[in-house]
Amino acid sequence: MLIAMAGLPGAGKSTVAKALGRELMVPVVSVDPIEAAMWRAGVDRGQPTGLAAYFVAEAVAAEALGLGQTVVVDAVNAVEEAREHWRSLADRYGVPLVFIEVECSDPAVHRQRLESRSRGIEGFCEPTWEDVEERREVFAAWSDSDARLVLDSAIDLSSNVAAALRFLRTGC
């Protein structure tokens, strides 16, 4: 199975992704550390490293799927082109694709989380609240054909992980 996380920066998707990875004992492939590694390697930040990071994440996820493993991909997945990467990958390997979107219903909590977080990704500049607001404006609508669970990170992590596991096991 391919599990593709989605949601605005700071909403809590990485936290849910890591918890699912631990619970399911599967790899989690995260776009942000990949992009930061490119910058540390000397790739100019003016280059399309965000797009490149999605392609690298896709290649790493493909390797795991090729070994018969479930994989969790941790990325914003705000635009249709990004989501199509995961649809295409799942189709190539004949595995189900599930999107798990994480949002935070409390803007004050979301902003506080974003502004106080330090994920320890060397060389990665955390987005600002203004960046998140700009991304919110261009976040694409979802296709009705996508299997998708929406979680609210304003509730506790254990409840969200339990809901995600239930969804992954039963499809509802």
N, C-alpha and C. Protein backbone atom coordinates (compact mmCIF):
# COMPACT_ATOMS: atom_id res chain seq x y z
N MET A 1 0.84 -1.17 0.00
CA MET A 1 0.00 0.00 0.00
C MET A 1 0.89 1.24 0.00
N LEU A 2 0.41 2.28 -0.66
CA LEU A 2 1.08 3.57 -0.64
C LEU A 2 0.20 4.53 0.13
N ILE A 3 0.74 5.08 1.19
CA ILE A 3 0.02 6.04 2.03
C ILE A 3 0.67 7.39 1.80
N ALA A 4 -0.06 8.32 1.23
CA ALA A 4 0.47 9.65 0.94
C ALA A 4 -0.17 10.66 1.89
N MET A 5 0.66 11.25 2.71
CA MET A 5 0.19 12.29 3.63
C MET A 5 -0.03 13.57 2.83
N ALA A 6 -0.86 14.45 3.35
CA ALA A 6 -1.11 15.75 2.73
C ALA A 6 -1.52 16.72 3.81
N GLY A 7 -1.29 17.99 3.55
CA GLY A 7 -1.71 19.04 4.48
C GLY A 7 -0.71 20.17 4.51
N LEU A 8 -1.16 21.27 5.04
CA LEU A 8 -0.32 22.46 5.12
C LEU A 8 0.85 22.26 6.07
N PRO A 9 1.94 22.99 5.86
CA PRO A 9 3.06 22.93 6.80
C PRO A 9 2.60 23.25 8.22
N GLY A 10 3.07 22.47 9.17
CA GLY A 10 2.75 22.70 10.57
C GLY A 10 1.42 22.13 11.02
N ALA A 11 0.67 21.51 10.11
CA ALA A 11 -0.64 20.97 10.47
C ALA A 11 -0.52 19.71 11.32
N GLY A 12 0.60 19.00 11.21
CA GLY A 12 0.79 17.79 11.99
C GLY A 12 0.95 16.53 11.17
N LYS A 13 1.09 16.66 9.85
CA LYS A 13 1.17 15.46 9.01
C LYS A 13 2.42 14.64 9.26
N SER A 14 3.56 15.29 9.52
CA SER A 14 4.79 14.54 9.78
C SER A 14 4.68 13.75 11.08
N THR A 15 4.04 14.34 12.07
CA THR A 15 3.85 13.66 13.34
C THR A 15 2.99 12.41 13.14
N VAL A 16 1.91 12.54 12.40
CA VAL A 16 1.04 11.39 12.11
C VAL A 16 1.79 10.38 11.25
N ALA A 17 2.53 10.84 10.25
CA ALA A 17 3.28 9.93 9.37
C ALA A 17 4.27 9.09 10.16
N LYS A 18 5.03 9.73 11.05
CA LYS A 18 6.01 8.99 11.85
C LYS A 18 5.32 8.00 12.78
N ALA A 19 4.21 8.40 13.37
CA ALA A 19 3.48 7.50 14.26
C ALA A 19 2.95 6.29 13.48
N LEU A 20 2.44 6.53 12.26
CA LEU A 20 1.97 5.41 11.43
C LEU A 20 3.13 4.52 11.02
N GLY A 21 4.26 5.12 10.68
CA GLY A 21 5.43 4.33 10.32
C GLY A 21 5.86 3.41 11.44
N ARG A 22 5.87 3.95 12.67
CA ARG A 22 6.23 3.13 13.83
C ARG A 22 5.20 2.03 14.06
N GLU A 23 3.94 2.39 14.00
CA GLU A 23 2.86 1.43 14.27
C GLU A 23 2.83 0.31 13.23
N LEU A 24 2.99 0.68 11.96
CA LEU A 24 2.92 -0.31 10.89
C LEU A 24 4.28 -0.92 10.57
N MET A 25 5.34 -0.37 11.17
CA MET A 25 6.71 -0.81 10.93
C MET A 25 7.04 -0.74 9.43
N VAL A 26 6.78 0.44 8.85
CA VAL A 26 7.04 0.68 7.43
C VAL A 26 7.87 1.95 7.28
N PRO A 27 8.57 2.08 6.14
CA PRO A 27 9.36 3.28 5.92
C PRO A 27 8.49 4.52 5.71
N VAL A 28 9.00 5.65 6.18
CA VAL A 28 8.39 6.95 5.95
C VAL A 28 9.38 7.75 5.12
N VAL A 29 8.93 8.20 3.96
CA VAL A 29 9.77 8.98 3.06
C VAL A 29 9.25 10.42 3.11
N SER A 30 10.10 11.32 3.60
CA SER A 30 9.69 12.70 3.81
C SER A 30 10.40 13.63 2.84
N VAL A 31 9.65 14.50 2.19
CA VAL A 31 10.17 15.40 1.17
C VAL A 31 11.09 16.48 1.75
N ASP A 32 10.76 17.05 2.90
CA ASP A 32 11.55 18.17 3.44
C ASP A 32 13.01 17.80 3.70
N PRO A 33 13.32 16.69 4.36
CA PRO A 33 14.74 16.35 4.54
C PRO A 33 15.47 16.08 3.22
N ILE A 34 14.74 15.58 2.23
CA ILE A 34 15.35 15.35 0.92
C ILE A 34 15.74 16.68 0.29
N GLU A 35 14.82 17.64 0.34
CA GLU A 35 15.12 18.95 -0.23
C GLU A 35 16.28 19.61 0.51
N ALA A 36 16.29 19.52 1.83
CA ALA A 36 17.39 20.10 2.62
C ALA A 36 18.72 19.44 2.27
N ALA A 37 18.72 18.14 2.01
CA ALA A 37 19.95 17.43 1.63
C ALA A 37 20.47 17.95 0.30
N MET A 38 19.58 18.26 -0.61
CA MET A 38 20.00 18.83 -1.89
C MET A 38 20.73 20.15 -1.67
N TRP A 39 20.16 20.99 -0.83
CA TRP A 39 20.79 22.29 -0.55
C TRP A 39 22.15 22.10 0.11
N ARG A 40 22.23 21.15 1.06
CA ARG A 40 23.52 20.90 1.72
C ARG A 40 24.56 20.38 0.73
N ALA A 41 24.09 19.69 -0.30
CA ALA A 41 25.00 19.15 -1.32
C ALA A 41 25.44 20.22 -2.32
N GLY A 42 24.87 21.42 -2.19
CA GLY A 42 25.29 22.52 -3.05
C GLY A 42 24.34 22.85 -4.18
N VAL A 43 23.20 22.17 -4.26
CA VAL A 43 22.23 22.53 -5.29
C VAL A 43 21.65 23.89 -4.91
N ASP A 44 21.67 24.80 -5.84
CA ASP A 44 21.21 26.17 -5.60
C ASP A 44 19.73 26.20 -5.22
N ARG A 45 19.41 26.98 -4.21
CA ARG A 45 18.01 27.10 -3.77
C ARG A 45 17.12 27.71 -4.84
N GLY A 46 17.72 28.36 -5.82
CA GLY A 46 16.94 28.92 -6.92
C GLY A 46 16.47 27.86 -7.92
N GLN A 47 17.02 26.69 -7.82
CA GLN A 47 16.61 25.57 -8.67
C GLN A 47 15.30 24.99 -8.13
N PRO A 48 14.58 24.23 -8.95
CA PRO A 48 13.30 23.67 -8.49
C PRO A 48 13.50 22.45 -7.56
N THR A 49 14.14 22.71 -6.42
CA THR A 49 14.46 21.61 -5.52
C THR A 49 13.21 21.00 -4.87
N GLY A 50 12.16 21.79 -4.71
CA GLY A 50 10.92 21.22 -4.17
C GLY A 50 10.37 20.14 -5.08
N LEU A 51 10.32 20.44 -6.37
CA LEU A 51 9.86 19.46 -7.35
C LEU A 51 10.81 18.27 -7.40
N ALA A 52 12.10 18.55 -7.40
CA ALA A 52 13.09 17.47 -7.43
C ALA A 52 12.95 16.57 -6.22
N ALA A 53 12.66 17.15 -5.06
CA ALA A 53 12.50 16.35 -3.84
C ALA A 53 11.32 15.39 -3.97
N TYR A 54 10.25 15.81 -4.63
CA TYR A 54 9.12 14.90 -4.87
C TYR A 54 9.56 13.73 -5.75
N PHE A 55 10.37 14.01 -6.78
CA PHE A 55 10.85 12.94 -7.66
C PHE A 55 11.77 11.98 -6.92
N VAL A 56 12.63 12.51 -6.06
CA VAL A 56 13.50 11.64 -5.27
C VAL A 56 12.65 10.80 -4.30
N ALA A 57 11.69 11.43 -3.64
CA ALA A 57 10.81 10.69 -2.73
C ALA A 57 10.07 9.58 -3.48
N GLU A 58 9.63 9.89 -4.69
CA GLU A 58 8.94 8.89 -5.50
C GLU A 58 9.87 7.71 -5.80
N ALA A 59 11.13 8.00 -6.14
CA ALA A 59 12.09 6.92 -6.44
C ALA A 59 12.36 6.06 -5.20
N VAL A 60 12.50 6.69 -4.05
CA VAL A 60 12.74 5.93 -2.82
C VAL A 60 11.51 5.10 -2.47
N ALA A 61 10.33 5.70 -2.59
CA ALA A 61 9.09 4.96 -2.32
C ALA A 61 8.94 3.79 -3.28
N ALA A 62 9.32 3.99 -4.54
CA ALA A 62 9.23 2.91 -5.53
C ALA A 62 10.10 1.73 -5.13
N GLU A 63 11.29 2.01 -4.61
CA GLU A 63 12.17 0.92 -4.17
C GLU A 63 11.49 0.11 -3.06
N ALA A 64 10.87 0.79 -2.10
CA ALA A 64 10.19 0.09 -1.01
C ALA A 64 9.01 -0.72 -1.54
N LEU A 65 8.22 -0.11 -2.42
CA LEU A 65 7.08 -0.83 -2.99
C LEU A 65 7.55 -2.04 -3.78
N GLY A 66 8.68 -1.89 -4.48
CA GLY A 66 9.24 -3.00 -5.25
C GLY A 66 9.67 -4.17 -4.38
N LEU A 67 9.94 -3.89 -3.11
CA LEU A 67 10.27 -4.94 -2.14
C LEU A 67 9.03 -5.52 -1.46
N GLY A 68 7.87 -5.02 -1.88
CA GLY A 68 6.62 -5.51 -1.30
C GLY A 68 6.24 -4.83 0.00
N GLN A 69 6.87 -3.70 0.29
CA GLN A 69 6.59 -2.98 1.53
C GLN A 69 5.53 -1.91 1.32
N THR A 70 4.76 -1.67 2.35
CA THR A 70 3.93 -0.47 2.42
C THR A 70 4.88 0.69 2.69
N VAL A 71 4.55 1.85 2.18
CA VAL A 71 5.37 3.03 2.42
C VAL A 71 4.48 4.24 2.68
N VAL A 72 4.93 5.09 3.59
CA VAL A 72 4.26 6.36 3.89
C VAL A 72 5.09 7.47 3.28
N VAL A 73 4.46 8.33 2.48
CA VAL A 73 5.13 9.48 1.91
C VAL A 73 4.62 10.73 2.62
N ASP A 74 5.55 11.51 3.16
CA ASP A 74 5.23 12.70 3.93
C ASP A 74 5.54 13.94 3.10
N ALA A 75 4.50 14.58 2.58
CA ALA A 75 4.65 15.76 1.75
C ALA A 75 3.37 16.60 1.82
N VAL A 76 3.49 17.86 1.44
CA VAL A 76 2.32 18.75 1.47
C VAL A 76 1.26 18.28 0.49
N ASN A 77 1.66 17.89 -0.70
CA ASN A 77 0.73 17.39 -1.72
C ASN A 77 -0.45 18.33 -1.95
N ALA A 78 -0.13 19.61 -2.07
CA ALA A 78 -1.17 20.64 -2.20
C ALA A 78 -1.72 20.76 -3.61
N VAL A 79 -0.94 20.33 -4.60
CA VAL A 79 -1.37 20.52 -5.98
C VAL A 79 -1.62 19.18 -6.66
N GLU A 80 -2.43 19.24 -7.68
CA GLU A 80 -2.83 18.03 -8.40
C GLU A 80 -1.63 17.29 -8.98
N GLU A 81 -0.64 18.02 -9.49
CA GLU A 81 0.54 17.38 -10.09
C GLU A 81 1.27 16.51 -9.07
N ALA A 82 1.37 16.98 -7.84
CA ALA A 82 2.04 16.20 -6.79
C ALA A 82 1.24 14.93 -6.49
N ARG A 83 -0.04 15.06 -6.37
CA ARG A 83 -0.90 13.91 -6.08
C ARG A 83 -0.85 12.88 -7.21
N GLU A 84 -0.72 13.37 -8.44
CA GLU A 84 -0.65 12.47 -9.60
C GLU A 84 0.61 11.61 -9.56
N HIS A 85 1.70 12.13 -8.98
CA HIS A 85 2.91 11.32 -8.80
C HIS A 85 2.56 10.03 -8.05
N TRP A 86 1.80 10.18 -6.97
CA TRP A 86 1.50 9.03 -6.10
C TRP A 86 0.47 8.12 -6.76
N ARG A 87 -0.49 8.69 -7.49
CA ARG A 87 -1.45 7.83 -8.21
C ARG A 87 -0.71 6.97 -9.24
N SER A 88 0.17 7.62 -9.98
CA SER A 88 0.93 6.91 -11.01
C SER A 88 1.83 5.83 -10.40
N LEU A 89 2.49 6.16 -9.29
CA LEU A 89 3.36 5.19 -8.63
C LEU A 89 2.56 3.99 -8.14
N ALA A 90 1.43 4.24 -7.50
CA ALA A 90 0.59 3.14 -7.02
C ALA A 90 0.11 2.27 -8.18
N ASP A 91 -0.27 2.91 -9.28
CA ASP A 91 -0.70 2.16 -10.47
C ASP A 91 0.43 1.28 -11.00
N ARG A 92 1.65 1.84 -11.07
CA ARG A 92 2.80 1.08 -11.60
C ARG A 92 3.07 -0.18 -10.78
N TYR A 93 2.86 -0.09 -9.47
CA TYR A 93 3.15 -1.23 -8.60
C TYR A 93 1.90 -2.03 -8.23
N GLY A 94 0.74 -1.61 -8.72
CA GLY A 94 -0.48 -2.35 -8.47
C GLY A 94 -0.87 -2.40 -7.01
N VAL A 95 -0.64 -1.29 -6.31
CA VAL A 95 -0.96 -1.24 -4.88
C VAL A 95 -2.03 -0.18 -4.63
N PRO A 96 -2.79 -0.36 -3.57
CA PRO A 96 -3.77 0.68 -3.22
C PRO A 96 -3.05 1.96 -2.79
N LEU A 97 -3.68 3.09 -3.09
CA LEU A 97 -3.20 4.40 -2.66
C LEU A 97 -4.24 5.01 -1.74
N VAL A 98 -3.77 5.48 -0.60
CA VAL A 98 -4.64 6.18 0.35
C VAL A 98 -3.98 7.51 0.68
N PHE A 99 -4.75 8.59 0.59
CA PHE A 99 -4.28 9.89 1.04
C PHE A 99 -4.80 10.12 2.45
N ILE A 100 -3.93 10.61 3.30
CA ILE A 100 -4.34 11.02 4.65
C ILE A 100 -3.99 12.50 4.76
N GLU A 101 -5.02 13.31 4.79
CA GLU A 101 -4.84 14.75 4.91
C GLU A 101 -4.96 15.15 6.37
N VAL A 102 -3.99 15.91 6.83
CA VAL A 102 -4.01 16.39 8.21
C VAL A 102 -4.21 17.89 8.17
N GLU A 103 -5.22 18.33 8.87
CA GLU A 103 -5.47 19.77 9.00
C GLU A 103 -5.61 20.09 10.48
N CYS A 104 -5.53 21.36 10.80
CA CYS A 104 -5.71 21.80 12.18
C CYS A 104 -6.85 22.79 12.20
N SER A 105 -7.92 22.43 12.87
CA SER A 105 -9.13 23.27 12.88
C SER A 105 -8.98 24.53 13.72
N ASP A 106 -7.94 24.60 14.52
CA ASP A 106 -7.71 25.77 15.38
C ASP A 106 -6.53 26.57 14.82
N PRO A 107 -6.81 27.69 14.13
CA PRO A 107 -5.72 28.46 13.52
C PRO A 107 -4.67 28.95 14.53
N ALA A 108 -5.08 29.26 15.73
CA ALA A 108 -4.11 29.72 16.73
C ALA A 108 -3.15 28.59 17.11
N VAL A 109 -3.67 27.39 17.28
CA VAL A 109 -2.84 26.24 17.60
C VAL A 109 -1.91 25.92 16.42
N HIS A 110 -2.46 25.94 15.21
CA HIS A 110 -1.67 25.66 14.02
C HIS A 110 -0.51 26.65 13.92
N ARG A 111 -0.80 27.93 14.08
CA ARG A 111 0.25 28.95 13.98
C ARG A 111 1.30 28.78 15.07
N GLN A 112 0.85 28.51 16.28
CA GLN A 112 1.78 28.34 17.40
C GLN A 112 2.70 27.15 17.15
N ARG A 113 2.14 26.05 16.66
CA ARG A 113 2.95 24.86 16.34
C ARG A 113 4.00 25.19 15.29
N LEU A 114 3.56 25.86 14.24
CA LEU A 114 4.46 26.20 13.14
C LEU A 114 5.59 27.10 13.63
N GLU A 115 5.25 28.12 14.39
CA GLU A 115 6.25 29.11 14.79
C GLU A 115 7.18 28.61 15.89
N SER A 116 6.79 27.56 16.60
CA SER A 116 7.64 27.08 17.69
C SER A 116 8.37 25.78 17.34
N ARG A 117 8.10 25.23 16.18
CA ARG A 117 8.71 23.93 15.88
C ARG A 117 10.16 24.07 15.42
N SER A 118 10.90 23.05 15.78
CA SER A 118 12.27 22.91 15.32
C SER A 118 12.48 21.43 15.06
N ARG A 119 12.40 21.04 13.79
CA ARG A 119 12.46 19.63 13.45
C ARG A 119 13.88 19.11 13.33
N GLY A 120 14.86 20.00 13.39
CA GLY A 120 16.24 19.56 13.33
C GLY A 120 16.67 19.08 11.96
N ILE A 121 16.04 19.60 10.91
CA ILE A 121 16.44 19.26 9.54
C ILE A 121 17.51 20.27 9.15
N GLU A 122 18.75 19.82 9.16
CA GLU A 122 19.87 20.72 8.89
C GLU A 122 19.71 21.40 7.54
N GLY A 123 19.80 22.74 7.55
CA GLY A 123 19.72 23.52 6.33
C GLY A 123 18.32 23.82 5.84
N PHE A 124 17.30 23.35 6.55
CA PHE A 124 15.92 23.57 6.11
C PHE A 124 15.35 24.80 6.80
N CYS A 125 14.83 25.71 6.01
CA CYS A 125 14.19 26.91 6.55
C CYS A 125 12.70 26.61 6.73
N GLU A 126 12.25 26.65 7.95
CA GLU A 126 10.83 26.39 8.21
C GLU A 126 9.98 27.49 7.59
N PRO A 127 8.84 27.13 7.02
CA PRO A 127 7.96 28.15 6.44
C PRO A 127 7.37 29.05 7.52
N THR A 128 7.04 30.25 7.12
CA THR A 128 6.39 31.20 8.02
C THR A 128 4.88 31.01 7.96
N TRP A 129 4.19 31.65 8.88
CA TRP A 129 2.73 31.61 8.86
C TRP A 129 2.21 32.22 7.55
N GLU A 130 2.87 33.26 7.09
CA GLU A 130 2.47 33.89 5.83
C GLU A 130 2.61 32.90 4.67
N ASP A 131 3.68 32.09 4.67
CA ASP A 131 3.85 31.05 3.66
C ASP A 131 2.69 30.05 3.69
N VAL A 132 2.30 29.67 4.89
CA VAL A 132 1.19 28.72 5.05
C VAL A 132 -0.10 29.32 4.51
N GLU A 133 -0.34 30.58 4.83
CA GLU A 133 -1.56 31.24 4.35
C GLU A 133 -1.57 31.29 2.81
N GLU A 134 -0.42 31.56 2.20
CA GLU A 134 -0.34 31.57 0.73
C GLU A 134 -0.61 30.18 0.16
N ARG A 135 -0.06 29.17 0.80
CA ARG A 135 -0.29 27.78 0.33
C ARG A 135 -1.76 27.40 0.48
N ARG A 136 -2.39 27.86 1.55
CA ARG A 136 -3.81 27.55 1.78
C ARG A 136 -4.65 28.04 0.60
N GLU A 137 -4.28 29.20 0.06
CA GLU A 137 -5.04 29.78 -1.05
C GLU A 137 -4.96 28.97 -2.33
N VAL A 138 -3.87 28.22 -2.51
CA VAL A 138 -3.70 27.45 -3.76
C VAL A 138 -3.85 25.95 -3.54
N PHE A 139 -4.25 25.53 -2.35
CA PHE A 139 -4.43 24.11 -2.07
C PHE A 139 -5.56 23.58 -2.95
N ALA A 140 -5.26 22.66 -3.83
CA ALA A 140 -6.22 22.16 -4.82
C ALA A 140 -7.31 21.31 -4.18
N ALA A 141 -8.48 21.38 -4.79
CA ALA A 141 -9.59 20.52 -4.36
C ALA A 141 -9.22 19.07 -4.66
N TRP A 142 -9.81 18.18 -3.92
CA TRP A 142 -9.52 16.75 -4.07
C TRP A 142 -10.43 16.12 -5.10
N SER A 143 -9.91 15.12 -5.78
CA SER A 143 -10.69 14.32 -6.71
C SER A 143 -11.61 13.40 -5.90
N ASP A 144 -12.83 13.23 -6.38
CA ASP A 144 -13.76 12.33 -5.70
C ASP A 144 -13.29 10.88 -5.74
N SER A 145 -12.40 10.57 -6.68
CA SER A 145 -11.94 9.19 -6.82
C SER A 145 -10.82 8.84 -5.84
N ASP A 146 -10.25 9.85 -5.17
CA ASP A 146 -9.16 9.58 -4.22
C ASP A 146 -9.70 9.00 -2.92
N ALA A 147 -9.09 7.88 -2.48
CA ALA A 147 -9.40 7.36 -1.14
C ALA A 147 -8.67 8.29 -0.17
N ARG A 148 -9.44 8.99 0.67
CA ARG A 148 -8.84 10.02 1.51
C ARG A 148 -9.51 10.06 2.88
N LEU A 149 -8.66 10.16 3.87
CA LEU A 149 -9.10 10.36 5.25
C LEU A 149 -8.62 11.73 5.67
N VAL A 150 -9.47 12.50 6.32
CA VAL A 150 -9.08 13.81 6.84
C VAL A 150 -9.04 13.71 8.36
N LEU A 151 -7.88 14.08 8.91
CA LEU A 151 -7.69 14.09 10.36
C LEU A 151 -7.53 15.52 10.84
N ASP A 152 -8.00 15.79 12.04
CA ASP A 152 -7.87 17.12 12.65
C ASP A 152 -6.84 17.02 13.77
N SER A 153 -5.71 17.66 13.59
CA SER A 153 -4.64 17.57 14.59
C SER A 153 -4.93 18.38 15.84
N ALA A 154 -6.07 19.05 15.90
CA ALA A 154 -6.45 19.73 17.14
C ALA A 154 -6.87 18.70 18.19
N ILE A 155 -7.16 17.47 17.75
CA ILE A 155 -7.43 16.40 18.72
C ILE A 155 -6.14 15.62 18.94
N ASP A 156 -6.15 14.72 19.88
CA ASP A 156 -4.90 14.06 20.29
C ASP A 156 -4.39 13.10 19.23
N LEU A 157 -3.07 12.95 19.22
CA LEU A 157 -2.38 12.11 18.23
C LEU A 157 -2.85 10.67 18.28
N SER A 158 -3.00 10.11 19.47
CA SER A 158 -3.38 8.69 19.55
C SER A 158 -4.74 8.43 18.91
N SER A 159 -5.68 9.35 19.07
CA SER A 159 -6.99 9.19 18.43
C SER A 159 -6.87 9.28 16.92
N ASN A 160 -6.04 10.20 16.43
CA ASN A 160 -5.83 10.32 14.98
C ASN A 160 -5.16 9.08 14.40
N VAL A 161 -4.16 8.56 15.09
CA VAL A 161 -3.48 7.36 14.61
C VAL A 161 -4.45 6.18 14.60
N ALA A 162 -5.25 6.06 15.64
CA ALA A 162 -6.24 4.97 15.69
C ALA A 162 -7.23 5.09 14.53
N ALA A 163 -7.67 6.32 14.24
CA ALA A 163 -8.61 6.53 13.13
C ALA A 163 -7.94 6.18 11.80
N ALA A 164 -6.67 6.57 11.66
CA ALA A 164 -5.95 6.25 10.41
C ALA A 164 -5.78 4.75 10.25
N LEU A 165 -5.40 4.06 11.30
CA LEU A 165 -5.23 2.60 11.23
C LEU A 165 -6.55 1.92 10.89
N ARG A 166 -7.62 2.37 11.49
CA ARG A 166 -8.95 1.82 11.19
C ARG A 166 -9.29 2.03 9.71
N PHE A 167 -9.02 3.24 9.21
CA PHE A 167 -9.28 3.56 7.81
C PHE A 167 -8.44 2.68 6.88
N LEU A 168 -7.17 2.52 7.22
CA LEU A 168 -6.28 1.72 6.38
C LEU A 168 -6.70 0.26 6.35
N ARG A 169 -7.22 -0.23 7.46
CA ARG A 169 -7.61 -1.64 7.54
C ARG A 169 -8.96 -1.93 6.95
N THR A 170 -9.87 -0.95 7.05
CA THR A 170 -11.26 -1.20 6.63
C THR A 170 -11.73 -0.33 5.49
N GLY A 171 -10.99 0.73 5.19
CA GLY A 171 -11.42 1.64 4.13
C GLY A 171 -12.51 2.60 4.54
N CYS A 172 -12.75 2.69 5.86
CA CYS A 172 -13.77 3.66 6.31
C CYS A 172 -13.46 4.13 7.71
